[in-house]
């Protein structure tokens, strides 16, 4: 079986986003189900995969990053309401035997993602 991982890169300073709260939800016909929560380490990564083994299933998911809280904790001056607050990345896992790496590249004004491995 594969695994799901993530990391955060703060492009406003060109460094890993340490201390970002990350929540993973499975999106089912019944709604969103929380599957994992983590906080990024000094390297901007979670200490363990968010999904792996039997928990790695095909389906729709959402990663929610508390980016606004991260920037506020760093002392970045932000407008209220924040332009970038919670970043939700909706994605699908079609082949659970593969590795899925879904990073967040973020600043207080923009964000991007891609599928890594």
Protein backbone atom coordinates (compact mmCIF):
# COMPACT_ATOMS: atom_id res chain seq x y z
CA UNK A 1 0.00 0.00 0.00
CA UNK A 2 1.02 3.57 -0.58
CA UNK A 3 0.96 6.54 1.75
CA UNK A 4 -0.24 10.15 1.87
CA UNK A 5 2.12 12.88 3.04
CA UNK A 6 2.34 16.65 2.92
CA UNK A 7 4.62 19.55 3.69
CA UNK A 8 4.32 23.34 3.85
CA UNK A 9 6.69 25.84 2.26
CA UNK A 10 6.33 29.49 3.29
CA UNK A 11 7.38 31.34 0.14
CA UNK A 12 7.17 34.71 1.88
CA UNK A 13 10.41 33.82 3.69
CA UNK A 14 11.64 30.92 1.55
CA UNK A 15 11.59 28.46 4.45
CA UNK A 16 9.54 25.49 5.67
CA UNK A 17 6.24 26.34 7.35
CA UNK A 18 6.81 25.00 10.87
CA UNK A 19 3.89 24.75 13.28
CA UNK A 20 1.05 24.63 10.74
CA UNK A 21 -2.04 22.70 11.89
CA UNK A 22 -3.10 20.20 9.19
CA UNK A 23 -6.41 18.30 9.15
CA UNK A 24 -7.28 15.50 6.72
CA UNK A 25 -10.90 14.72 5.90
CA UNK A 26 -12.41 11.94 3.81
CA UNK A 27 -15.30 13.27 1.73
CA UNK A 28 -18.12 10.71 1.69
CA UNK A 29 -21.78 10.80 0.67
CA UNK A 30 -22.52 11.37 4.38
CA UNK A 31 -20.21 14.40 4.57
CA UNK A 32 -16.67 15.08 5.74
CA UNK A 33 -15.04 12.66 8.17
CA UNK A 34 -11.88 13.68 10.06
CA UNK A 35 -9.19 11.06 9.41
CA UNK A 36 -6.01 12.66 10.75
CA UNK A 37 -4.56 15.80 12.32
CA UNK A 38 -0.96 16.88 12.63
CA UNK A 39 1.26 19.90 13.13
CA UNK A 40 4.19 20.44 10.79
CA UNK A 41 7.66 20.09 12.27
CA UNK A 42 10.71 22.36 11.83
CA UNK A 43 11.14 21.02 8.30
CA UNK A 44 7.51 21.88 7.42
CA UNK A 45 6.59 18.19 7.29
CA UNK A 46 4.34 15.95 9.32
CA UNK A 47 6.26 13.46 11.45
CA UNK A 48 4.30 10.52 10.01
CA UNK A 49 2.20 9.85 6.91
CA UNK A 50 -1.39 11.09 7.19
CA UNK A 51 -2.61 7.82 5.63
CA UNK A 52 -0.86 4.51 5.05
CA UNK A 53 -1.52 0.80 5.09
CA UNK A 54 -5.17 -0.20 5.40
CA UNK A 55 -6.17 3.44 6.02
CA UNK A 56 -4.97 4.41 2.53
CA UNK A 57 -8.17 4.02 0.52
CA UNK A 58 -9.35 5.31 -2.86
CA UNK A 59 -11.69 8.26 -2.58
CA UNK A 60 -12.09 12.00 -2.26
CA UNK A 61 -10.21 13.90 0.44
CA UNK A 62 -9.59 17.41 1.73
CA UNK A 63 -6.46 18.70 3.42
CA UNK A 64 -7.12 21.82 5.50
CA UNK A 65 -4.12 23.95 6.48
CA UNK A 66 -4.44 26.64 9.19
CA UNK A 67 -2.28 29.06 7.20
CA UNK A 68 -3.76 32.26 8.63
CA UNK A 69 -3.09 31.15 12.20
CA UNK A 70 0.46 30.20 11.19
CA UNK A 71 1.17 33.67 9.71
CA UNK A 72 -0.44 35.40 12.70
CA UNK A 73 1.75 33.36 15.09
CA UNK A 74 4.81 34.47 13.10
CA UNK A 75 3.79 38.08 13.70
CA UNK A 76 2.91 38.82 10.09
CA UNK A 77 0.65 41.85 9.87
CA UNK A 78 -2.59 40.59 8.31
CA UNK A 79 -5.84 42.34 7.40
CA UNK A 80 -9.09 41.27 9.05
CA UNK A 81 -10.58 39.22 7.67
CA UNK A 82 -7.44 37.47 6.46
CA UNK A 83 -7.08 37.07 2.70
CA UNK A 84 -5.56 33.56 3.13
CA UNK A 85 -6.90 31.86 6.24
CA UNK A 86 -7.74 28.17 6.04
CA UNK A 87 -6.47 26.63 2.82
CA UNK A 88 -8.52 23.64 1.71
CA UNK A 89 -7.05 21.36 -0.94
CA UNK A 90 -9.63 18.97 -2.39
CA UNK A 91 -8.10 15.98 -4.19
CA UNK A 92 -8.70 12.35 -5.03
CA UNK A 93 -6.79 9.15 -4.43
CA UNK A 94 -7.40 6.81 -7.36
CA UNK A 95 -4.58 4.32 -6.73
CA UNK A 96 -4.06 3.69 -3.00
CA UNK A 97 -1.06 1.48 -3.71
CA UNK A 98 0.85 4.59 -4.88
CA UNK A 99 2.42 7.35 -2.79
CA UNK A 100 0.63 10.69 -2.82
CA UNK A 101 2.47 13.77 -1.62
CA UNK A 102 0.27 16.90 -1.54
CA UNK A 103 2.33 19.93 -0.49
CA UNK A 104 1.21 23.49 0.17
CA UNK A 105 3.30 26.41 -1.10
CA UNK A 106 1.87 29.48 0.64
CA UNK A 107 2.21 33.17 1.43
CA UNK A 108 -0.30 35.52 3.10
CA UNK A 109 -1.55 36.40 -0.42
CA UNK A 110 -1.37 33.22 -2.54
CA UNK A 111 -1.00 29.45 -2.48
CA UNK A 112 -0.32 26.54 -4.81
CA UNK A 113 -0.05 22.76 -4.72
CA UNK A 114 0.96 19.85 -6.91
CA UNK A 115 1.06 16.07 -6.73
CA UNK A 116 4.41 14.75 -5.67
CA UNK A 117 5.30 11.16 -4.87
